[in-house]
Amino acid sequence: MIKIVVFDFDGVLVDSNKIKYDAFFKLFPENSKAGSIAKKVLKNHREDSRFFIIRKVVEELNTGIGSKNISSLIDYYINEYGNIVESCVATVSEIPGAGNCLSELYLSYGLYLISSTPFDSLMRIIKTRSMESYFKRIYGFPMTKINSLAEILKKDNIVPEEVLVIGDGLVDLEMAKYFGCNFVGVKNEFNSLEQQAVTLISTLQELSPLIRSTYEYGK
């Protein structure tokens, strides 16, 4: 039986994937050399953190300049990226059914949030959206998703079979597989989870009935 449900944030609870993707091209315009590099990096590292992606773009764009200058540029772009996305994600539409889903599941399960978004920024967004009361704990960067889930399992003395991970990326699926947890994928235009042998939903309106029918009764 499922005892806890672990949610990713972007693309699972809020419809923010496109906002975060497009924000890279506000930093690095698409018709520029930087934009071309950003497209290439995002093609291969779409699910990596903003820190990794921005560092890869800046390093490739500025080969030959000193490491101190590179570090300053990276810090500048990371700060600008955060400024661009935070206010937008705080007010973007939720994934259909997200609010009702959290309200319902909160009554029966321990809910957790694990995101790659920097923790301080994530907490400001969560508080702006009045979502913090649903979660027992919230995790964000610099903690990795695997380390976050490991801490949940240890602190709550939960076995993996009692955990359901809800995510929209391969990194979420890999995290669940690493520990042997259950997984439900949220299908969207930014992933290809249909190529994986996993249960998929399109909105969170489908999640509560799915949990009741599939996990509660030992199916």
C-alpha atoms as a PDB file:
ATOM      1  CA  MET A   1       0.000   0.000   0.000  1.00  0.00           C
ATOM      2  CA  ILE A   2       1.217   3.504  -0.803  1.00  0.00           C
ATOM      3  CA  LYS A   3       2.052   5.626   2.250  1.00  0.00           C
ATOM      4  CA  ILE A   4       3.791   8.630   0.693  1.00  0.00           C
ATOM      5  CA  VAL A   5       3.586  10.448  -2.636  1.00  0.00           C
ATOM      6  CA  VAL A   6       6.594  12.374  -3.956  1.00  0.00           C
ATOM      7  CA  PHE A   7       5.952  15.101  -6.529  1.00  0.00           C
ATOM      8  CA  ASP A   8       8.239  16.833  -8.963  1.00  0.00           C
ATOM      9  CA  PHE A   9       7.257  20.483  -9.460  1.00  0.00           C
ATOM     10  CA  ASP A  10       7.722  21.889 -12.971  1.00  0.00           C
ATOM     11  CA  GLY A  11       5.507  20.121 -15.484  1.00  0.00           C
ATOM     12  CA  VAL A  12       3.818  18.098 -12.744  1.00  0.00           C
ATOM     13  CA  LEU A  13       2.150  20.636 -10.460  1.00  0.00           C
ATOM     14  CA  VAL A  14       2.610  23.791 -12.535  1.00  0.00           C
ATOM     15  CA  ASP A  15       2.724  24.275 -16.296  1.00  0.00           C
ATOM     16  CA  SER A  16       6.150  25.920 -16.255  1.00  0.00           C
ATOM     17  CA  ASN A  17       8.348  23.837 -18.557  1.00  0.00           C
ATOM     18  CA  LYS A  18       7.980  26.170 -21.536  1.00  0.00           C
ATOM     19  CA  ILE A  19       8.608  29.243 -19.380  1.00  0.00           C
ATOM     20  CA  LYS A  20      11.863  27.781 -18.123  1.00  0.00           C
ATOM     21  CA  TYR A  21      12.915  26.636 -21.586  1.00  0.00           C
ATOM     22  CA  ASP A  22      12.143  29.976 -23.238  1.00  0.00           C
ATOM     23  CA  ALA A  23      13.980  31.850 -20.479  1.00  0.00           C
ATOM     24  CA  PHE A  24      17.307  30.514 -21.747  1.00  0.00           C
ATOM     25  CA  PHE A  25      16.691  32.330 -25.024  1.00  0.00           C
ATOM     26  CA  LYS A  26      15.978  35.584 -23.250  1.00  0.00           C
ATOM     27  CA  LEU A  27      19.518  35.236 -21.935  1.00  0.00           C
ATOM     28  CA  PHE A  28      20.936  33.872 -25.185  1.00  0.00           C
ATOM     29  CA  PRO A  29      18.872  35.145 -28.185  1.00  0.00           C
ATOM     30  CA  GLU A  30      18.000  32.395 -30.635  1.00  0.00           C
ATOM     31  CA  ASN A  31      19.454  34.178 -33.683  1.00  0.00           C
ATOM     32  CA  SER A  32      22.854  34.652 -32.033  1.00  0.00           C
ATOM     33  CA  LYS A  33      25.887  32.418 -31.593  1.00  0.00           C
ATOM     34  CA  ALA A  34      24.994  32.076 -27.922  1.00  0.00           C
ATOM     35  CA  GLY A  35      21.485  30.980 -28.881  1.00  0.00           C
ATOM     36  CA  SER A  36      22.846  28.288 -31.206  1.00  0.00           C
ATOM     37  CA  ILE A  37      25.055  26.981 -28.431  1.00  0.00           C
ATOM     38  CA  ALA A  38      22.140  27.051 -25.990  1.00  0.00           C
ATOM     39  CA  LYS A  39      19.980  24.999 -28.388  1.00  0.00           C
ATOM     40  CA  LYS A  40      22.708  22.392 -28.681  1.00  0.00           C
ATOM     41  CA  VAL A  41      23.240  22.202 -24.927  1.00  0.00           C
ATOM     42  CA  LEU A  42      19.503  21.972 -24.230  1.00  0.00           C
ATOM     43  CA  LYS A  43      19.081  19.231 -26.807  1.00  0.00           C
ATOM     44  CA  ASN A  44      21.493  17.025 -24.891  1.00  0.00           C
ATOM     45  CA  HIS A  45      20.940  18.265 -21.339  1.00  0.00           C
ATOM     46  CA  ARG A  46      17.301  19.355 -21.162  1.00  0.00           C
ATOM     47  CA  GLU A  47      16.780  17.865 -17.699  1.00  0.00           C
ATOM     48  CA  ASP A  48      19.987  19.124 -16.133  1.00  0.00           C
ATOM     49  CA  SER A  49      19.986  22.068 -13.747  1.00  0.00           C
ATOM     50  CA  ARG A  50      20.069  25.696 -14.888  1.00  0.00           C
ATOM     51  CA  PHE A  51      23.535  25.893 -13.346  1.00  0.00           C
ATOM     52  CA  PHE A  52      24.877  23.121 -15.547  1.00  0.00           C
ATOM     53  CA  ILE A  53      23.204  24.401 -18.730  1.00  0.00           C
ATOM     54  CA  ILE A  54      24.266  28.024 -18.269  1.00  0.00           C
ATOM     55  CA  ARG A  55      27.810  27.010 -17.370  1.00  0.00           C
ATOM     56  CA  LYS A  56      28.081  24.854 -20.517  1.00  0.00           C
ATOM     57  CA  VAL A  57      26.820  27.678 -22.743  1.00  0.00           C
ATOM     58  CA  VAL A  58      29.037  30.354 -21.186  1.00  0.00           C
ATOM     59  CA  GLU A  59      32.143  28.172 -21.247  1.00  0.00           C
ATOM     60  CA  GLU A  60      31.676  27.254 -24.906  1.00  0.00           C
ATOM     61  CA  LEU A  61      30.872  30.820 -25.878  1.00  0.00           C
ATOM     62  CA  ASN A  62      33.851  32.286 -24.049  1.00  0.00           C
ATOM     63  CA  THR A  63      36.661  29.800 -24.569  1.00  0.00           C
ATOM     64  CA  GLY A  64      40.020  31.409 -23.966  1.00  0.00           C
ATOM     65  CA  ILE A  65      39.067  33.955 -21.313  1.00  0.00           C
ATOM     66  CA  GLY A  66      40.202  33.594 -17.710  1.00  0.00           C
ATOM     67  CA  SER A  67      38.414  31.345 -15.244  1.00  0.00           C
ATOM     68  CA  LYS A  68      37.629  34.307 -12.962  1.00  0.00           C
ATOM     69  CA  ASN A  69      35.836  36.132 -15.779  1.00  0.00           C
ATOM     70  CA  ILE A  70      34.018  32.926 -16.751  1.00  0.00           C
ATOM     71  CA  SER A  71      32.808  32.470 -13.174  1.00  0.00           C
ATOM     72  CA  SER A  72      31.560  36.052 -13.053  1.00  0.00           C
ATOM     73  CA  LEU A  73      29.643  35.605 -16.312  1.00  0.00           C
ATOM     74  CA  ILE A  74      28.108  32.357 -15.132  1.00  0.00           C
ATOM     75  CA  ASP A  75      26.985  33.976 -11.879  1.00  0.00           C
ATOM     76  CA  TYR A  76      25.507  36.904 -13.800  1.00  0.00           C
ATOM     77  CA  TYR A  77      23.491  34.697 -16.170  1.00  0.00           C
ATOM     78  CA  ILE A  78      22.290  32.410 -13.382  1.00  0.00           C
ATOM     79  CA  ASN A  79      21.028  35.414 -11.447  1.00  0.00           C
ATOM     80  CA  GLU A  80      19.315  36.838 -14.532  1.00  0.00           C
ATOM     81  CA  TYR A  81      17.724  33.488 -15.332  1.00  0.00           C
ATOM     82  CA  GLY A  82      16.356  33.265 -11.793  1.00  0.00           C
ATOM     83  CA  ASN A  83      14.897  36.758 -12.046  1.00  0.00           C
ATOM     84  CA  ILE A  84      13.190  35.897 -15.333  1.00  0.00           C
ATOM     85  CA  VAL A  85      11.568  32.645 -14.267  1.00  0.00           C
ATOM     86  CA  GLU A  86      10.680  33.081 -10.615  1.00  0.00           C
ATOM     87  CA  SER A  87       7.844  35.589 -10.938  1.00  0.00           C
ATOM     88  CA  CYS A  88       6.441  33.781 -13.972  1.00  0.00           C
ATOM     89  CA  VAL A  89       6.440  30.343 -12.349  1.00  0.00           C
ATOM     90  CA  ALA A  90       4.849  31.778  -9.215  1.00  0.00           C
ATOM     91  CA  THR A  91       1.759  32.755 -11.215  1.00  0.00           C
ATOM     92  CA  VAL A  92       1.647  30.343 -14.168  1.00  0.00           C
ATOM     93  CA  SER A  93      -1.339  27.999 -14.503  1.00  0.00           C
ATOM     94  CA  GLU A  94      -1.315  24.791 -12.510  1.00  0.00           C
ATOM     95  CA  ILE A  95      -1.428  21.438 -14.244  1.00  0.00           C
ATOM     96  CA  PRO A  96      -5.189  20.719 -14.449  1.00  0.00           C
ATOM     97  CA  GLY A  97      -6.380  19.163 -11.218  1.00  0.00           C
ATOM     98  CA  ALA A  98      -3.193  19.856  -9.241  1.00  0.00           C
ATOM     99  CA  GLY A  99      -4.794  21.844  -6.434  1.00  0.00           C
ATOM    100  CA  ASN A 100      -7.675  19.433  -5.914  1.00  0.00           C
ATOM    101  CA  CYS A 101      -5.297  16.488  -6.129  1.00  0.00           C
ATOM    102  CA  LEU A 102      -3.046  17.845  -3.383  1.00  0.00           C
ATOM    103  CA  SER A 103      -6.046  18.711  -1.204  1.00  0.00           C
ATOM    104  CA  GLU A 104      -7.393  15.176  -1.502  1.00  0.00           C
ATOM    105  CA  LEU A 105      -4.142  13.226  -1.183  1.00  0.00           C
ATOM    106  CA  TYR A 106      -2.970  15.351   1.741  1.00  0.00           C
ATOM    107  CA  LEU A 107      -5.709  13.785   3.883  1.00  0.00           C
ATOM    108  CA  SER A 108      -4.452  10.228   3.395  1.00  0.00           C
ATOM    109  CA  TYR A 109      -0.758  10.319   2.450  1.00  0.00           C
ATOM    110  CA  GLY A 110       2.475  12.012   3.362  1.00  0.00           C
ATOM    111  CA  LEU A 111       3.257  14.379   0.505  1.00  0.00           C
ATOM    112  CA  TYR A 112       6.763  15.522  -0.456  1.00  0.00           C
ATOM    113  CA  LEU A 113       8.149  17.805  -3.126  1.00  0.00           C
ATOM    114  CA  ILE A 114      11.498  17.162  -4.832  1.00  0.00           C
ATOM    115  CA  SER A 115      12.637  19.677  -7.438  1.00  0.00           C
ATOM    116  CA  SER A 116      15.802  20.754  -9.243  1.00  0.00           C
ATOM    117  CA  THR A 117      14.829  24.400  -8.704  1.00  0.00           C
ATOM    118  CA  PRO A 118      17.094  26.220  -6.214  1.00  0.00           C
ATOM    119  CA  PHE A 119      15.591  25.729  -2.769  1.00  0.00           C
ATOM    120  CA  ASP A 120      15.231  29.401  -1.789  1.00  0.00           C
ATOM    121  CA  SER A 121      13.547  30.294  -5.069  1.00  0.00           C
ATOM    122  CA  LEU A 122      11.354  27.194  -4.879  1.00  0.00           C
ATOM    123  CA  MET A 123      10.160  28.121  -1.406  1.00  0.00           C
ATOM    124  CA  ARG A 124       9.255  31.649  -2.474  1.00  0.00           C
ATOM    125  CA  ILE A 125       7.247  30.225  -5.392  1.00  0.00           C
ATOM    126  CA  ILE A 126       5.532  27.619  -3.217  1.00  0.00           C
ATOM    127  CA  LYS A 127       4.562  30.239  -0.625  1.00  0.00           C
ATOM    128  CA  THR A 128       3.263  32.620  -3.287  1.00  0.00           C
ATOM    129  CA  ARG A 129       1.074  29.791  -4.570  1.00  0.00           C
ATOM    130  CA  SER A 130      -0.022  28.868  -0.993  1.00  0.00           C
ATOM    131  CA  MET A 131       1.063  25.255  -1.472  1.00  0.00           C
ATOM    132  CA  GLU A 132       3.545  24.803   1.375  1.00  0.00           C
ATOM    133  CA  SER A 133       1.035  23.367   3.860  1.00  0.00           C
ATOM    134  CA  TYR A 134       0.465  20.279   1.716  1.00  0.00           C
ATOM    135  CA  PHE A 135       4.024  18.971   2.001  1.00  0.00           C
ATOM    136  CA  LYS A 136       5.798  17.347   4.917  1.00  0.00           C
ATOM    137  CA  ARG A 137       9.111  18.430   3.422  1.00  0.00           C
ATOM    138  CA  ILE A 138      10.283  20.278   0.323  1.00  0.00           C
ATOM    139  CA  TYR A 139      13.616  19.671  -1.394  1.00  0.00           C
ATOM    140  CA  GLY A 140      15.431  21.749  -3.991  1.00  0.00           C
ATOM    141  CA  PHE A 141      18.874  22.375  -5.441  1.00  0.00           C
ATOM    142  CA  PRO A 142      21.670  21.921  -4.361  1.00  0.00           C
ATOM    143  CA  MET A 143      20.366  18.591  -3.028  1.00  0.00           C
ATOM    144  CA  THR A 144      20.101  16.058  -5.811  1.00  0.00           C
ATOM    145  CA  LYS A 145      16.832  14.280  -6.349  1.00  0.00           C
ATOM    146  CA  ILE A 146      18.338  10.913  -5.414  1.00  0.00           C
ATOM    147  CA  ASN A 147      19.784  12.273  -2.174  1.00  0.00           C
ATOM    148  CA  SER A 148      16.470  13.932  -1.380  1.00  0.00           C
ATOM    149  CA  LEU A 149      14.530  10.701  -1.788  1.00  0.00           C
ATOM    150  CA  ALA A 150      17.162   8.797   0.188  1.00  0.00           C
ATOM    151  CA  GLU A 151      16.649  11.221   3.077  1.00  0.00           C
ATOM    152  CA  ILE A 152      12.872  10.776   2.929  1.00  0.00           C
ATOM    153  CA  LEU A 153      13.175   6.980   3.039  1.00  0.00           C
ATOM    154  CA  LYS A 154      15.580   7.130   5.980  1.00  0.00           C
ATOM    155  CA  LYS A 155      13.898   9.828   8.074  1.00  0.00           C
ATOM    156  CA  ASP A 156      10.405   8.385   7.660  1.00  0.00           C
ATOM    157  CA  ASN A 157      11.480   4.731   7.867  1.00  0.00           C
ATOM    158  CA  ILE A 158       9.590   4.011   4.645  1.00  0.00           C
ATOM    159  CA  VAL A 159      10.302   1.101   2.306  1.00  0.00           C
ATOM    160  CA  PRO A 160      10.451   1.906  -1.440  1.00  0.00           C
ATOM    161  CA  GLU A 161       7.340  -0.148  -2.214  1.00  0.00           C
ATOM    162  CA  GLU A 162       5.332   2.305  -0.098  1.00  0.00           C
ATOM    163  CA  VAL A 163       6.450   5.302  -2.183  1.00  0.00           C
ATOM    164  CA  LEU A 164       4.828   6.655  -5.344  1.00  0.00           C
ATOM    165  CA  VAL A 165       6.884   9.142  -7.374  1.00  0.00           C
ATOM    166  CA  ILE A 166       5.030  11.508  -9.722  1.00  0.00           C
ATOM    167  CA  GLY A 167       7.308  13.067 -12.342  1.00  0.00           C
ATOM    168  CA  ASP A 168       7.556  14.225 -15.920  1.00  0.00           C
ATOM    169  CA  GLY A 169      11.209  13.533 -16.656  1.00  0.00           C
ATOM    170  CA  LEU A 170      13.585  10.635 -17.096  1.00  0.00           C
ATOM    171  CA  VAL A 171      15.492  11.857 -14.056  1.00  0.00           C
ATOM    172  CA  ASP A 172      12.347  11.304 -11.964  1.00  0.00           C
ATOM    173  CA  LEU A 173      11.863   7.835 -13.424  1.00  0.00           C
ATOM    174  CA  GLU A 174      15.512   6.953 -12.842  1.00  0.00           C
ATOM    175  CA  MET A 175      15.248   8.164  -9.243  1.00  0.00           C
ATOM    176  CA  ALA A 176      12.242   5.925  -8.635  1.00  0.00           C
ATOM    177  CA  LYS A 177      13.930   2.952 -10.304  1.00  0.00           C
ATOM    178  CA  TYR A 178      17.135   3.472  -8.319  1.00  0.00           C
ATOM    179  CA  PHE A 179      15.286   2.841  -5.064  1.00  0.00           C
ATOM    180  CA  GLY A 180      12.567   0.523  -6.410  1.00  0.00           C
ATOM    181  CA  CYS A 181       9.714   2.969  -5.857  1.00  0.00           C
ATOM    182  CA  ASN A 182       6.475   3.098  -7.827  1.00  0.00           C
ATOM    183  CA  PHE A 183       6.283   5.693 -10.590  1.00  0.00           C
ATOM    184  CA  VAL A 184       3.582   7.524 -12.526  1.00  0.00           C
ATOM    185  CA  GLY A 185       4.622   9.812 -15.370  1.00  0.00           C
ATOM    186  CA  VAL A 186       2.921  13.047 -16.367  1.00  0.00           C
ATOM    187  CA  LYS A 187       2.919  13.239 -20.150  1.00  0.00           C
ATOM    188  CA  ASN A 188       3.710  16.555 -21.825  1.00  0.00           C
ATOM    189  CA  GLU A 189       5.346  18.026 -24.921  1.00  0.00           C
ATOM    190  CA  PHE A 190       8.753  18.186 -23.262  1.00  0.00           C
ATOM    191  CA  ASN A 191       9.142  14.479 -22.512  1.00  0.00           C
ATOM    192  CA  SER A 192       9.006  11.116 -24.253  1.00  0.00           C
ATOM    193  CA  LEU A 193       7.868   8.979 -21.355  1.00  0.00           C
ATOM    194  CA  GLU A 194       5.546   7.064 -23.650  1.00  0.00           C
ATOM    195  CA  GLN A 195       8.680   5.249 -24.818  1.00  0.00           C
ATOM    196  CA  GLN A 196       9.129   3.880 -21.308  1.00  0.00           C
ATOM    197  CA  ALA A 197       7.199   1.015 -19.773  1.00  0.00           C
ATOM    198  CA  VAL A 198       5.465   3.225 -17.203  1.00  0.00           C
ATOM    199  CA  THR A 199       1.970   4.305 -16.249  1.00  0.00           C
ATOM    200  CA  LEU A 200       1.176   7.728 -17.730  1.00  0.00           C
ATOM    201  CA  ILE A 201      -1.373  10.408 -16.970  1.00  0.00           C
ATOM    202  CA  SER A 202      -1.999  13.689 -18.770  1.00  0.00           C
ATOM    203  CA  THR A 203      -3.402  15.711 -15.853  1.00  0.00           C
ATOM    204  CA  LEU A 204      -3.480  15.335 -12.091  1.00  0.00           C
ATOM    205  CA  GLN A 205      -7.244  14.899 -12.279  1.00  0.00           C
ATOM    206  CA  GLU A 206      -6.410  11.286 -13.126  1.00  0.00           C
ATOM    207  CA  LEU A 207      -4.076  10.633 -10.198  1.00  0.00           C
ATOM    208  CA  SER A 208      -6.358  10.011  -7.210  1.00  0.00           C
ATOM    209  CA  PRO A 209      -8.569   7.487  -9.037  1.00  0.00           C
ATOM    210  CA  LEU A 210      -5.419   5.783 -10.346  1.00  0.00           C
ATOM    211  CA  ILE A 211      -3.949   5.440  -6.864  1.00  0.00           C
ATOM    212  CA  ARG A 212      -7.190   4.014  -5.497  1.00  0.00           C
ATOM    213  CA  SER A 213      -7.620   1.480  -8.296  1.00  0.00           C
ATOM    214  CA  THR A 214      -4.021   0.418  -8.841  1.00  0.00           C
ATOM    215  CA  TYR A 215      -2.108   0.751  -5.584  1.00  0.00           C
ATOM    216  CA  GLU A 216      -4.518   0.647  -2.665  1.00  0.00           C
ATOM    217  CA  TYR A 217      -5.796  -2.841  -3.245  1.00  0.00           C
ATOM    218  CA  GLY A 218      -2.643  -4.744  -4.122  1.00  0.00           C
ATOM    219  CA  LYS A 219      -3.125  -4.859  -7.864  1.00  0.00           C
END
